[in-house]
Amino acid sequence: MDTKEKRIEETLQSIDGLGRANANPFLFQKVMNRMGAAESKTPRPAVISWSVALAVILIALNMVSLLHYTKEEKKTEASETTFAQDYFSYLNNNY
Protein backbone atom coordinates (compact mmCIF):
# COMPACT_ATOMS: atom_id res chain seq x y z
CA MET A 1 0.00 0.00 0.00
CA ASP A 2 0.92 3.51 -0.64
CA THR A 3 1.65 5.64 2.45
CA LYS A 4 -1.09 8.04 1.45
CA GLU A 5 -3.68 5.26 1.23
CA LYS A 6 -2.40 3.74 4.47
CA ARG A 7 -2.85 7.06 6.22
CA ILE A 8 -6.42 7.34 4.87
CA GLU A 9 -7.27 3.84 6.11
CA GLU A 10 -5.87 4.57 9.56
CA THR A 11 -7.98 7.72 9.75
CA LEU A 12 -11.14 5.89 8.70
CA GLN A 13 -10.51 3.09 11.22
CA SER A 14 -9.97 5.58 14.03
CA ILE A 15 -13.57 6.80 13.80
CA ASP A 16 -15.06 3.29 13.87
CA GLY A 17 -15.04 3.05 17.66
CA LEU A 18 -16.62 6.42 18.27
CA GLY A 19 -20.00 6.57 19.88
CA ARG A 20 -22.52 9.21 20.76
CA ALA A 21 -21.36 11.87 23.22
CA ASN A 22 -23.03 11.66 26.61
CA ALA A 23 -24.34 14.82 28.25
CA ASN A 24 -25.02 15.49 31.88
CA PRO A 25 -28.49 14.02 32.63
CA PHE A 26 -29.49 17.17 34.49
CA LEU A 27 -28.34 19.58 31.77
CA PHE A 28 -31.78 19.98 30.19
CA GLN A 29 -33.35 20.66 33.58
CA LYS A 30 -30.66 23.26 34.40
CA VAL A 31 -31.23 25.09 31.13
CA MET A 32 -35.00 25.12 31.54
CA ASN A 33 -34.68 26.31 35.15
CA ARG A 34 -32.43 29.23 34.16
CA MET A 35 -34.73 30.21 31.30
CA GLY A 36 -37.69 30.28 33.66
CA ALA A 37 -35.75 32.37 36.20
CA ALA A 38 -34.83 34.92 33.52
CA GLU A 39 -38.46 35.39 32.48
CA SER A 40 -39.77 35.97 35.98
CA LYS A 41 -37.47 38.88 36.86
CA THR A 42 -39.33 42.01 37.94
CA PRO A 43 -37.76 45.42 38.33
CA ARG A 44 -36.62 46.25 41.83
CA PRO A 45 -38.31 49.14 43.62
CA ALA A 46 -35.00 51.02 43.73
CA VAL A 47 -34.68 50.86 39.94
CA ILE A 48 -38.22 52.13 39.51
CA SER A 49 -37.70 55.00 41.95
CA TRP A 50 -34.43 56.06 40.29
CA SER A 51 -36.13 55.98 36.88
CA VAL A 52 -38.98 58.16 38.10
CA ALA A 53 -36.56 60.57 39.76
CA LEU A 54 -34.53 60.86 36.57
CA ALA A 55 -37.67 61.49 34.52
CA VAL A 56 -38.78 64.25 36.93
CA ILE A 57 -35.35 65.90 36.79
CA LEU A 58 -35.33 65.82 32.99
CA ILE A 59 -38.82 67.32 32.80
CA ALA A 60 -37.85 70.07 35.27
CA LEU A 61 -34.71 70.93 33.29
CA ASN A 62 -36.76 71.02 30.12
CA MET A 63 -39.25 73.43 31.67
CA VAL A 64 -36.47 75.71 32.94
CA SER A 65 -34.83 75.83 29.53
CA LEU A 66 -38.15 76.59 27.83
CA LEU A 67 -38.88 79.45 30.21
CA HIS A 68 -35.41 80.86 29.71
CA TYR A 69 -35.71 80.62 25.93
CA THR A 70 -39.06 82.43 25.83
CA LYS A 71 -37.68 85.27 27.99
CA GLU A 72 -34.67 85.62 25.70
CA GLU A 73 -36.94 85.61 22.66
CA LYS A 74 -39.04 88.46 24.06
CA LYS A 75 -35.90 90.49 24.79
CA THR A 76 -34.64 89.88 21.26
CA GLU A 77 -37.96 90.94 19.73
CA ALA A 78 -37.99 94.12 21.79
CA SER A 79 -34.44 95.04 20.84
CA GLU A 80 -35.12 94.31 17.16
CA THR A 81 -38.20 96.53 17.23
CA THR A 82 -36.28 99.36 18.90
CA PHE A 83 -33.44 99.01 16.39
CA ALA A 84 -35.85 99.08 13.45
CA GLN A 85 -37.63 102.17 14.77
CA ASP A 86 -34.35 104.00 15.33
CA TYR A 87 -32.88 102.95 11.99
CA PHE A 88 -35.91 103.96 9.93
CA SER A 89 -36.77 107.02 11.99
CA TYR A 90 -35.56 109.29 9.17
CA LEU A 91 -38.44 108.06 7.06
CA ASN A 92 -40.98 109.28 9.57
CA ASN A 93 -39.50 112.77 9.75
CA ASN A 94 -40.97 115.02 7.15
CA TYR A 95 -38.29 117.55 6.33
PDB file of N, CA and C in Angstrom:
ATOM      1  N   MET A   1       0.817  -1.192   0.000  1.00  0.00           N
ATOM      2  CA  MET A   1       0.000   0.000   0.000  1.00  0.00           C
ATOM      3  C   MET A   1       0.855   1.246   0.000  1.00  0.00           C
ATOM      4  N   ASP A   2       0.289   2.196  -0.592  1.00  0.00           N
ATOM      5  CA  ASP A   2       0.924   3.505  -0.635  1.00  0.00           C
ATOM      6  C   ASP A   2       0.795   4.156   0.743  1.00  0.00           C
ATOM      7  N   THR A   3       1.707   5.001   1.131  1.00  0.00           N
ATOM      8  CA  THR A   3       1.649   5.643   2.448  1.00  0.00           C
ATOM      9  C   THR A   3       0.439   6.570   2.552  1.00  0.00           C
ATOM     10  N   LYS A   4       0.082   7.148   1.446  1.00  0.00           N
ATOM     11  CA  LYS A   4      -1.091   8.038   1.448  1.00  0.00           C
ATOM     12  C   LYS A   4      -2.359   7.241   1.713  1.00  0.00           C
ATOM     13  N   GLU A   5      -2.518   6.114   1.038  1.00  0.00           N
ATOM     14  CA  GLU A   5      -3.683   5.255   1.227  1.00  0.00           C
ATOM     15  C   GLU A   5      -3.695   4.646   2.626  1.00  0.00           C
ATOM     16  N   LYS A   6      -2.510   4.290   3.134  1.00  0.00           N
ATOM     17  CA  LYS A   6      -2.398   3.737   4.469  1.00  0.00           C
ATOM     18  C   LYS A   6      -2.859   4.767   5.507  1.00  0.00           C
ATOM     19  N   ARG A   7      -2.464   5.973   5.299  1.00  0.00           N
ATOM     20  CA  ARG A   7      -2.845   7.057   6.219  1.00  0.00           C
ATOM     21  C   ARG A   7      -4.364   7.270   6.191  1.00  0.00           C
ATOM     22  N   ILE A   8      -4.962   7.189   5.009  1.00  0.00           N
ATOM     23  CA  ILE A   8      -6.417   7.337   4.872  1.00  0.00           C
ATOM     24  C   ILE A   8      -7.123   6.208   5.596  1.00  0.00           C
ATOM     25  N   GLU A   9      -6.668   4.999   5.452  1.00  0.00           N
ATOM     26  CA  GLU A   9      -7.271   3.842   6.111  1.00  0.00           C
ATOM     27  C   GLU A   9      -7.180   3.954   7.635  1.00  0.00           C
ATOM     28  N   GLU A  10      -6.033   4.389   8.115  1.00  0.00           N
ATOM     29  CA  GLU A  10      -5.869   4.571   9.562  1.00  0.00           C
ATOM     30  C   GLU A  10      -6.863   5.608  10.098  1.00  0.00           C
ATOM     31  N   THR A  11      -7.045   6.663   9.330  1.00  0.00           N
ATOM     32  CA  THR A  11      -7.980   7.719   9.748  1.00  0.00           C
ATOM     33  C   THR A  11      -9.404   7.191   9.764  1.00  0.00           C
ATOM     34  N   LEU A  12      -9.788   6.442   8.748  1.00  0.00           N
ATOM     35  CA  LEU A  12     -11.137   5.889   8.698  1.00  0.00           C
ATOM     36  C   LEU A  12     -11.368   4.880   9.816  1.00  0.00           C
ATOM     37  N   GLN A  13     -10.373   4.082  10.157  1.00  0.00           N
ATOM     38  CA  GLN A  13     -10.513   3.092  11.223  1.00  0.00           C
ATOM     39  C   GLN A  13     -10.561   3.746  12.607  1.00  0.00           C
ATOM     40  N   SER A  14      -9.976   4.918  12.725  1.00  0.00           N
ATOM     41  CA  SER A  14      -9.966   5.584  14.028  1.00  0.00           C
ATOM     42  C   SER A  14     -11.361   6.066  14.427  1.00  0.00           C
ATOM     43  N   ILE A  15     -12.224   6.334  13.460  1.00  0.00           N
ATOM     44  CA  ILE A  15     -13.574   6.802  13.797  1.00  0.00           C
ATOM     45  C   ILE A  15     -14.571   5.662  13.955  1.00  0.00           C
ATOM     46  N   ASP A  16     -14.157   4.433  13.732  1.00  0.00           N
ATOM     47  CA  ASP A  16     -15.063   3.294  13.865  1.00  0.00           C
ATOM     48  C   ASP A  16     -15.528   3.085  15.301  1.00  0.00           C
ATOM     49  N   GLY A  17     -14.684   3.319  16.268  1.00  0.00           N
ATOM     50  CA  GLY A  17     -15.038   3.052  17.656  1.00  0.00           C
ATOM     51  C   GLY A  17     -15.740   4.211  18.349  1.00  0.00           C
ATOM     52  N   LEU A  18     -15.971   5.267  17.634  1.00  0.00           N
ATOM     53  CA  LEU A  18     -16.616   6.419  18.266  1.00  0.00           C
ATOM     54  C   LEU A  18     -18.091   6.174  18.491  1.00  0.00           C
ATOM     55  N   GLY A  19     -18.576   6.674  19.583  1.00  0.00           N
ATOM     56  CA  GLY A  19     -20.004   6.566  19.883  1.00  0.00           C
ATOM     57  C   GLY A  19     -20.604   7.953  20.111  1.00  0.00           C
ATOM     58  N   ARG A  20     -21.816   7.953  20.520  1.00  0.00           N
ATOM     59  CA  ARG A  20     -22.518   9.212  20.762  1.00  0.00           C
ATOM     60  C   ARG A  20     -21.995   9.850  22.050  1.00  0.00           C
ATOM     61  N   ALA A  21     -21.838  11.158  22.036  1.00  0.00           N
ATOM     62  CA  ALA A  21     -21.359  11.868  23.220  1.00  0.00           C
ATOM     63  C   ALA A  21     -22.457  11.882  24.275  1.00  0.00           C
ATOM     64  N   ASN A  22     -22.076  11.675  25.515  1.00  0.00           N
ATOM     65  CA  ASN A  22     -23.034  11.658  26.614  1.00  0.00           C
ATOM     66  C   ASN A  22     -23.029  13.007  27.321  1.00  0.00           C
ATOM     67  N   ALA A  23     -24.209  13.546  27.555  1.00  0.00           N
ATOM     68  CA  ALA A  23     -24.345  14.825  28.255  1.00  0.00           C
ATOM     69  C   ALA A  23     -24.751  14.564  29.690  1.00  0.00           C
ATOM     70  N   ASN A  24     -24.593  15.556  30.497  1.00  0.00           N
ATOM     71  CA  ASN A  24     -25.021  15.487  31.884  1.00  0.00           C
ATOM     72  C   ASN A  24     -26.538  15.258  31.898  1.00  0.00           C
ATOM     73  N   PRO A  25     -27.049  14.285  32.651  1.00  0.00           N
ATOM     74  CA  PRO A  25     -28.488  14.021  32.630  1.00  0.00           C
ATOM     75  C   PRO A  25     -29.326  15.185  33.158  1.00  0.00           C
ATOM     76  N   PHE A  26     -28.743  16.049  33.937  1.00  0.00           N
ATOM     77  CA  PHE A  26     -29.490  17.173  34.487  1.00  0.00           C
ATOM     78  C   PHE A  26     -29.312  18.467  33.685  1.00  0.00           C
ATOM     79  N   LEU A  27     -28.612  18.388  32.569  1.00  0.00           N
ATOM     80  CA  LEU A  27     -28.340  19.578  31.766  1.00  0.00           C
ATOM     81  C   LEU A  27     -29.622  20.227  31.260  1.00  0.00           C
ATOM     82  N   PHE A  28     -30.529  19.434  30.714  1.00  0.00           N
ATOM     83  CA  PHE A  28     -31.778  19.976  30.186  1.00  0.00           C
ATOM     84  C   PHE A  28     -32.564  20.677  31.295  1.00  0.00           C
ATOM     85  N   GLN A  29     -32.612  20.068  32.460  1.00  0.00           N
ATOM     86  CA  GLN A  29     -33.350  20.662  33.577  1.00  0.00           C
ATOM     87  C   GLN A  29     -32.705  21.983  34.021  1.00  0.00           C
ATOM     88  N   LYS A  30     -31.366  22.029  34.029  1.00  0.00           N
ATOM     89  CA  LYS A  30     -30.663  23.256  34.403  1.00  0.00           C
ATOM     90  C   LYS A  30     -30.994  24.391  33.425  1.00  0.00           C
ATOM     91  N   VAL A  31     -30.951  24.075  32.150  1.00  0.00           N
ATOM     92  CA  VAL A  31     -31.228  25.090  31.126  1.00  0.00           C
ATOM     93  C   VAL A  31     -32.656  25.597  31.255  1.00  0.00           C
ATOM     94  N   MET A  32     -33.593  24.712  31.415  1.00  0.00           N
ATOM     95  CA  MET A  32     -34.998  25.120  31.541  1.00  0.00           C
ATOM     96  C   MET A  32     -35.226  25.939  32.814  1.00  0.00           C
ATOM     97  N   ASN A  33     -34.550  25.587  33.896  1.00  0.00           N
ATOM     98  CA  ASN A  33     -34.681  26.313  35.154  1.00  0.00           C
ATOM     99  C   ASN A  33     -34.150  27.736  35.008  1.00  0.00           C
ATOM    100  N   ARG A  34     -33.005  27.891  34.350  1.00  0.00           N
ATOM    101  CA  ARG A  34     -32.432  29.231  34.157  1.00  0.00           C
ATOM    102  C   ARG A  34     -33.284  30.073  33.214  1.00  0.00           C
ATOM    103  N   MET A  35     -33.863  29.462  32.213  1.00  0.00           N
ATOM    104  CA  MET A  35     -34.732  30.210  31.298  1.00  0.00           C
ATOM    105  C   MET A  35     -35.975  30.699  32.033  1.00  0.00           C
ATOM    106  N   GLY A  36     -36.528  29.881  32.891  1.00  0.00           N
ATOM    107  CA  GLY A  36     -37.692  30.280  33.664  1.00  0.00           C
ATOM    108  C   GLY A  36     -37.358  31.381  34.653  1.00  0.00           C
ATOM    109  N   ALA A  37     -36.173  31.341  35.239  1.00  0.00           N
ATOM    110  CA  ALA A  37     -35.753  32.367  36.199  1.00  0.00           C
ATOM    111  C   ALA A  37     -35.541  33.697  35.491  1.00  0.00           C
ATOM    112  N   ALA A  38     -35.067  33.679  34.261  1.00  0.00           N
ATOM    113  CA  ALA A  38     -34.827  34.915  33.522  1.00  0.00           C
ATOM    114  C   ALA A  38     -36.147  35.595  33.146  1.00  0.00           C
ATOM    115  N   GLU A  39     -37.173  34.819  32.877  1.00  0.00           N
ATOM    116  CA  GLU A  39     -38.462  35.387  32.478  1.00  0.00           C
ATOM    117  C   GLU A  39     -39.202  36.014  33.644  1.00  0.00           C
ATOM    118  N   SER A  40     -38.979  35.519  34.847  1.00  0.00           N
ATOM    119  CA  SER A  40     -39.766  35.972  35.982  1.00  0.00           C
ATOM    120  C   SER A  40     -39.145  37.156  36.718  1.00  0.00           C
ATOM    121  N   LYS A  41     -38.094  37.753  36.186  1.00  0.00           N
ATOM    122  CA  LYS A  41     -37.466  38.885  36.862  1.00  0.00           C
ATOM    123  C   LYS A  41     -38.360  40.111  36.767  1.00  0.00           C
ATOM    124  N   THR A  42     -38.575  40.765  37.895  1.00  0.00           N
ATOM    125  CA  THR A  42     -39.335  42.005  37.936  1.00  0.00           C
ATOM    126  C   THR A  42     -38.397  43.108  38.378  1.00  0.00           C
ATOM    127  N   PRO A  43     -38.646  44.333  37.937  1.00  0.00           N
ATOM    128  CA  PRO A  43     -37.755  45.424  38.331  1.00  0.00           C
ATOM    129  C   PRO A  43     -37.809  45.666  39.829  1.00  0.00           C
ATOM    130  N   ARG A  44     -36.687  45.966  40.401  1.00  0.00           N
ATOM    131  CA  ARG A  44     -36.617  46.252  41.825  1.00  0.00           C
ATOM    132  C   ARG A  44     -37.224  47.619  42.094  1.00  0.00           C
ATOM    133  N   PRO A  45     -37.744  47.830  43.293  1.00  0.00           N
ATOM    134  CA  PRO A  45     -38.308  49.140  43.624  1.00  0.00           C
ATOM    135  C   PRO A  45     -37.283  50.270  43.522  1.00  0.00           C
ATOM    136  N   ALA A  46     -36.034  49.990  43.827  1.00  0.00           N
ATOM    137  CA  ALA A  46     -35.003  51.024  43.730  1.00  0.00           C
ATOM    138  C   ALA A  46     -34.809  51.465  42.279  1.00  0.00           C
ATOM    139  N   VAL A  47     -34.851  50.522  41.360  1.00  0.00           N
ATOM    140  CA  VAL A  47     -34.683  50.859  39.942  1.00  0.00           C
ATOM    141  C   VAL A  47     -35.853  51.713  39.469  1.00  0.00           C
ATOM    142  N   ILE A  48     -37.040  51.364  39.897  1.00  0.00           N
ATOM    143  CA  ILE A  48     -38.220  52.130  39.511  1.00  0.00           C
ATOM    144  C   ILE A  48     -38.143  53.542  40.082  1.00  0.00           C
ATOM    145  N   SER A  49     -37.759  53.671  41.342  1.00  0.00           N
ATOM    146  CA  SER A  49     -37.700  55.004  41.954  1.00  0.00           C
ATOM    147  C   SER A  49     -36.627  55.860  41.304  1.00  0.00           C
ATOM    148  N   TRP A  50     -35.466  55.283  40.968  1.00  0.00           N
ATOM    149  CA  TRP A  50     -34.430  56.056  40.286  1.00  0.00           C
ATOM    150  C   TRP A  50     -34.894  56.486  38.887  1.00  0.00           C
ATOM    151  N   SER A  51     -35.623  55.636  38.211  1.00  0.00           N
ATOM    152  CA  SER A  51     -36.131  55.980  36.882  1.00  0.00           C
ATOM    153  C   SER A  51     -37.121  57.129  36.962  1.00  0.00           C
ATOM    154  N   VAL A  52     -38.011  57.080  37.932  1.00  0.00           N
ATOM    155  CA  VAL A  52     -38.984  58.159  38.096  1.00  0.00           C
ATOM    156  C   VAL A  52     -38.277  59.454  38.467  1.00  0.00           C
ATOM    157  N   ALA A  53     -37.296  59.377  39.358  1.00  0.00           N
ATOM    158  CA  ALA A  53     -36.555  60.574  39.762  1.00  0.00           C
ATOM    159  C   ALA A  53     -35.822  61.183  38.567  1.00  0.00           C
ATOM    160  N   LEU A  54     -35.224  60.366  37.753  1.00  0.00           N
ATOM    161  CA  LEU A  54     -34.530  60.864  36.567  1.00  0.00           C
ATOM    162  C   LEU A  54     -35.502  61.524  35.599  1.00  0.00           C
ATOM    163  N   ALA A  55     -36.663  60.914  35.417  1.00  0.00           N
ATOM    164  CA  ALA A  55     -37.671  61.494  34.519  1.00  0.00           C
ATOM    165  C   ALA A  55     -38.138  62.849  35.043  1.00  0.00           C
ATOM    166  N   VAL A  56     -38.350  62.982  36.353  1.00  0.00           N
ATOM    167  CA  VAL A  56     -38.780  64.249  36.933  1.00  0.00           C
ATOM    168  C   VAL A  56     -37.699  65.309  36.753  1.00  0.00           C
ATOM    169  N   ILE A  57     -36.449  64.953  36.967  1.00  0.00           N
ATOM    170  CA  ILE A  57     -35.354  65.904  36.792  1.00  0.00           C
ATOM    171  C   ILE A  57     -35.269  66.367  35.343  1.00  0.00           C
ATOM    172  N   LEU A  58     -35.390  65.445  34.410  1.00  0.00           N
ATOM    173  CA  LEU A  58     -35.331  65.824  32.991  1.00  0.00           C
ATOM    174  C   LEU A  58     -36.485  66.736  32.597  1.00  0.00           C
ATOM    175  N   ILE A  59     -37.664  66.459  33.107  1.00  0.00           N
ATOM    176  CA  ILE A  59     -38.819  67.318  32.801  1.00  0.00           C
ATOM    177  C   ILE A  59     -38.615  68.703  33.401  1.00  0.00           C
ATOM    178  N   ALA A  60     -38.089  68.779  34.634  1.00  0.00           N
ATOM    179  CA  ALA A  60     -37.848  70.070  35.273  1.00  0.00           C
ATOM    180  C   ALA A  60     -36.800  70.870  34.497  1.00  0.00           C
ATOM    181  N   LEU A  61     -35.727  70.224  34.078  1.00  0.00           N
ATOM    182  CA  LEU A  61     -34.706  70.926  33.291  1.00  0.00           C
ATOM    183  C   LEU A  61     -35.269  71.409  31.958  1.00  0.00           C
ATOM    184  N   ASN A  62     -36.132  70.621  31.366  1.00  0.00           N
ATOM    185  CA  ASN A  62     -36.758  71.017  30.116  1.00  0.00           C
ATOM    186  C   ASN A  62     -37.635  72.253  30.318  1.00  0.00           C
ATOM    187  N   MET A  63     -38.390  72.274  31.391  1.00  0.00           N
ATOM    188  CA  MET A  63     -39.251  73.427  31.669  1.00  0.00           C
ATOM    189  C   MET A  63     -38.418  74.687  31.922  1.00  0.00           C
ATOM    190  N   VAL A  64     -37.332  74.557  32.674  1.00  0.00           N
ATOM    191  CA  VAL A  64     -36.465  75.709  32.944  1.00  0.00           C
ATOM    192  C   VAL A  64     -35.869  76.249  31.654  1.00  0.00           C
ATOM    193  N   SER A  65     -35.415  75.363  30.792  1.00  0.00           N
ATOM    194  CA  SER A  65     -34.827  75.828  29.534  1.00  0.00           C
ATOM    195  C   SER A  65     -35.876  76.476  28.634  1.00  0.00           C
ATOM    196  N   LEU A  66     -37.100  75.976  28.632  1.00  0.00           N
ATOM    197  CA  LEU A  66     -38.154  76.595  27.825  1.00  0.00           C
ATOM    198  C   LEU A  66     -38.504  77.984  28.343  1.00  0.00           C
ATOM    199  N   LEU A  67     -38.588  78.129  29.647  1.00  0.00           N
ATOM    200  CA  LEU A  67     -38.884  79.448  30.210  1.00  0.00           C
ATOM    201  C   LEU A  67     -37.768  80.434  29.905  1.00  0.00           C
ATOM    202  N   HIS A  68     -36.539  79.990  30.018  1.00  0.00           N
ATOM    203  CA  HIS A  68     -35.406  80.858  29.711  1.00  0.00           C
ATOM    204  C   HIS A  68     -35.405  81.257  28.236  1.00  0.00           C
ATOM    205  N   TYR A  69     -35.702  80.343  27.360  1.00  0.00           N
ATOM    206  CA  TYR A  69     -35.711  80.616  25.933  1.00  0.00           C
ATOM    207  C   TYR A  69     -36.798  81.625  25.570  1.00  0.00           C
ATOM    208  N   THR A  70     -37.982  81.493  26.168  1.00  0.00           N
ATOM    209  CA  THR A  70     -39.058  82.433  25.832  1.00  0.00           C
ATOM    210  C   THR A  70     -38.735  83.833  26.341  1.00  0.00           C
ATOM    211  N   LYS A  71     -38.075  83.946  27.505  1.00  0.00           N
ATOM    212  CA  LYS A  71     -37.676  85.270  27.990  1.00  0.00           C
ATOM    213  C   LYS A  71     -36.651  85.894  27.065  1.00  0.00           C
ATOM    214  N   GLU A  72     -35.687  85.112  26.610  1.00  0.00           N
ATOM    215  CA  GLU A  72     -34.668  85.619  25.696  1.00  0.00           C
ATOM    216  C   GLU A  72     -35.295  86.040  24.371  1.00  0.00           C
ATOM    217  N   GLU A  73     -36.286  85.287  23.920  1.00  0.00           N
ATOM    218  CA  GLU A  73     -36.941  85.606  22.655  1.00  0.00           C
ATOM    219  C   GLU A  73     -37.672  86.937  22.750  1.00  0.00           C
ATOM    220  N   LYS A  74     -38.335  87.196  23.879  1.00  0.00           N
ATOM    221  CA  LYS A  74     -39.039  88.456  24.061  1.00  0.00           C
ATOM    222  C   LYS A  74     -38.061  89.617  24.093  1.00  0.00           C
ATOM    223  N   LYS A  75     -36.913  89.445  24.748  1.00  0.00           N
ATOM    224  CA  LYS A  75     -35.897  90.493  24.792  1.00  0.00           C
ATOM    225  C   LYS A  75     -35.377  90.780  23.394  1.00  0.00           C
ATOM    226  N   THR A  76     -35.156  89.721  22.622  1.00  0.00           N
ATOM    227  CA  THR A  76     -34.639  89.882  21.264  1.00  0.00           C
ATOM    228  C   THR A  76     -35.650  90.617  20.389  1.00  0.00           C
ATOM    229  N   GLU A  77     -36.931  90.267  20.519  1.00  0.00           N
ATOM    230  CA  GLU A  77     -37.955  90.940  19.727  1.00  0.00           C
ATOM    231  C   GLU A  77     -38.033  92.419  20.082  1.00  0.00           C
ATOM    232  N   ALA A  78     -37.930  92.724  21.370  1.00  0.00           N
ATOM    233  CA  ALA A  78     -37.993  94.121  21.791  1.00  0.00           C
ATOM    234  C   ALA A  78     -36.793  94.894  21.261  1.00  0.00           C
ATOM    235  N   SER A  79     -35.626  94.335  21.322  1.00  0.00           N
ATOM    236  CA  SER A  79     -34.439  95.042  20.840  1.00  0.00           C
ATOM    237  C   SER A  79     -34.472  95.188  19.319  1.00  0.00           C
ATOM    238  N   GLU A  80     -35.008  94.203  18.618  1.00  0.00           N
ATOM    239  CA  GLU A  80     -35.123  94.308  17.158  1.00  0.00           C
ATOM    240  C   GLU A  80     -36.105  95.401  16.779  1.00  0.00           C
ATOM    241  N   THR A  81     -37.210  95.499  17.509  1.00  0.00           N
ATOM    242  CA  THR A  81     -38.203  96.533  17.226  1.00  0.00           C
ATOM    243  C   THR A  81     -37.615  97.915  17.473  1.00  0.00           C
ATOM    244  N   THR A  82     -36.908  98.077  18.579  1.00  0.00           N
ATOM    245  CA  THR A  82     -36.283  99.361  18.896  1.00  0.00           C
ATOM    246  C   THR A  82     -35.256  99.726  17.839  1.00  0.00           C
ATOM    247  N   PHE A  83     -34.449  98.762  17.422  1.00  0.00           N
ATOM    248  CA  PHE A  83     -33.443  99.013  16.391  1.00  0.00           C
ATOM    249  C   PHE A  83     -34.111  99.438  15.086  1.00  0.00           C
ATOM    250  N   ALA A  84     -35.168  98.754  14.706  1.00  0.00           N
ATOM    251  CA  ALA A  84     -35.849  99.083  13.453  1.00  0.00           C
ATOM    252  C   ALA A  84     -36.459 100.475  13.517  1.00  0.00           C
ATOM    253  N   GLN A  85     -37.037 100.837  14.643  1.00  0.00           N
ATOM    254  CA  GLN A  85     -37.626 102.172  14.768  1.00  0.00           C
ATOM    255  C   GLN A  85     -36.546 103.255  14.693  1.00  0.00           C
ATOM    256  N   ASP A  86     -35.432 103.015  15.364  1.00  0.00           N
ATOM    257  CA  ASP A  86     -34.352 104.003  15.331  1.00  0.00           C
ATOM    258  C   ASP A  86     -33.728 104.084  13.944  1.00  0.00           C
ATOM    259  N   TYR A  87     -33.540 102.979  13.294  1.00  0.00           N
ATOM    260  CA  TYR A  87     -32.880 102.954  11.995  1.00  0.00           C
ATOM    261  C   TYR A  87     -33.728 103.638  10.924  1.00  0.00           C
ATOM    262  N   PHE A  88     -35.033 103.385  10.954  1.00  0.00           N
ATOM    263  CA  PHE A  88     -35.906 103.957   9.931  1.00  0.00           C
ATOM    264  C   PHE A  88     -36.610 105.219  10.414  1.00  0.00           C
ATOM    265  N   SER A  89     -36.109 105.821  11.459  1.00  0.00           N
ATOM    266  CA  SER A  89     -36.768 107.015  11.989  1.00  0.00           C
ATOM    267  C   SER A  89     -36.680 108.184  11.013  1.00  0.00           C
ATOM    268  N   TYR A  90     -35.676 108.198  10.135  1.00  0.00           N
ATOM    269  CA  TYR A  90     -35.556 109.290   9.172  1.00  0.00           C
ATOM    270  C   TYR A  90     -36.698 109.281   8.164  1.00  0.00           C
ATOM    271  N   LEU A  91     -37.330 108.121   7.978  1.00  0.00           N
ATOM    272  CA  LEU A  91     -38.444 108.059   7.057  1.00  0.00           C
ATOM    273  C   LEU A  91     -39.687 108.736   7.626  1.00  0.00           C
ATOM    274  N   ASN A  92     -39.811 108.714   8.938  1.00  0.00           N
ATOM    275  CA  ASN A  92     -40.984 109.283   9.573  1.00  0.00           C
ATOM    276  C   ASN A  92     -40.882 110.794   9.715  1.00  0.00           C
ATOM    277  N   ASN A  93     -39.668 111.312   9.657  1.00  0.00           N
ATOM    278  CA  ASN A  93     -39.496 112.766   9.754  1.00  0.00           C
ATOM    279  C   ASN A  93     -39.766 113.414   8.403  1.00  0.00           C
ATOM    280  N   ASN A  94     -40.668 114.308   8.393  1.00  0.00           N
ATOM    281  CA  ASN A  94     -40.973 115.020   7.152  1.00  0.00           C
ATOM    282  C   ASN A  94     -40.178 116.316   7.171  1.00  0.00           C
ATOM    283  N   TYR A  95     -39.127 116.366   6.397  1.00  0.00           N
ATOM    284  CA  TYR A  95     -38.294 117.554   6.330  1.00  0.00           C
ATOM    285  C   TYR A  95     -38.823 118.524   5.334  1.00  0.00           C
TER     286      TYR A  95
END
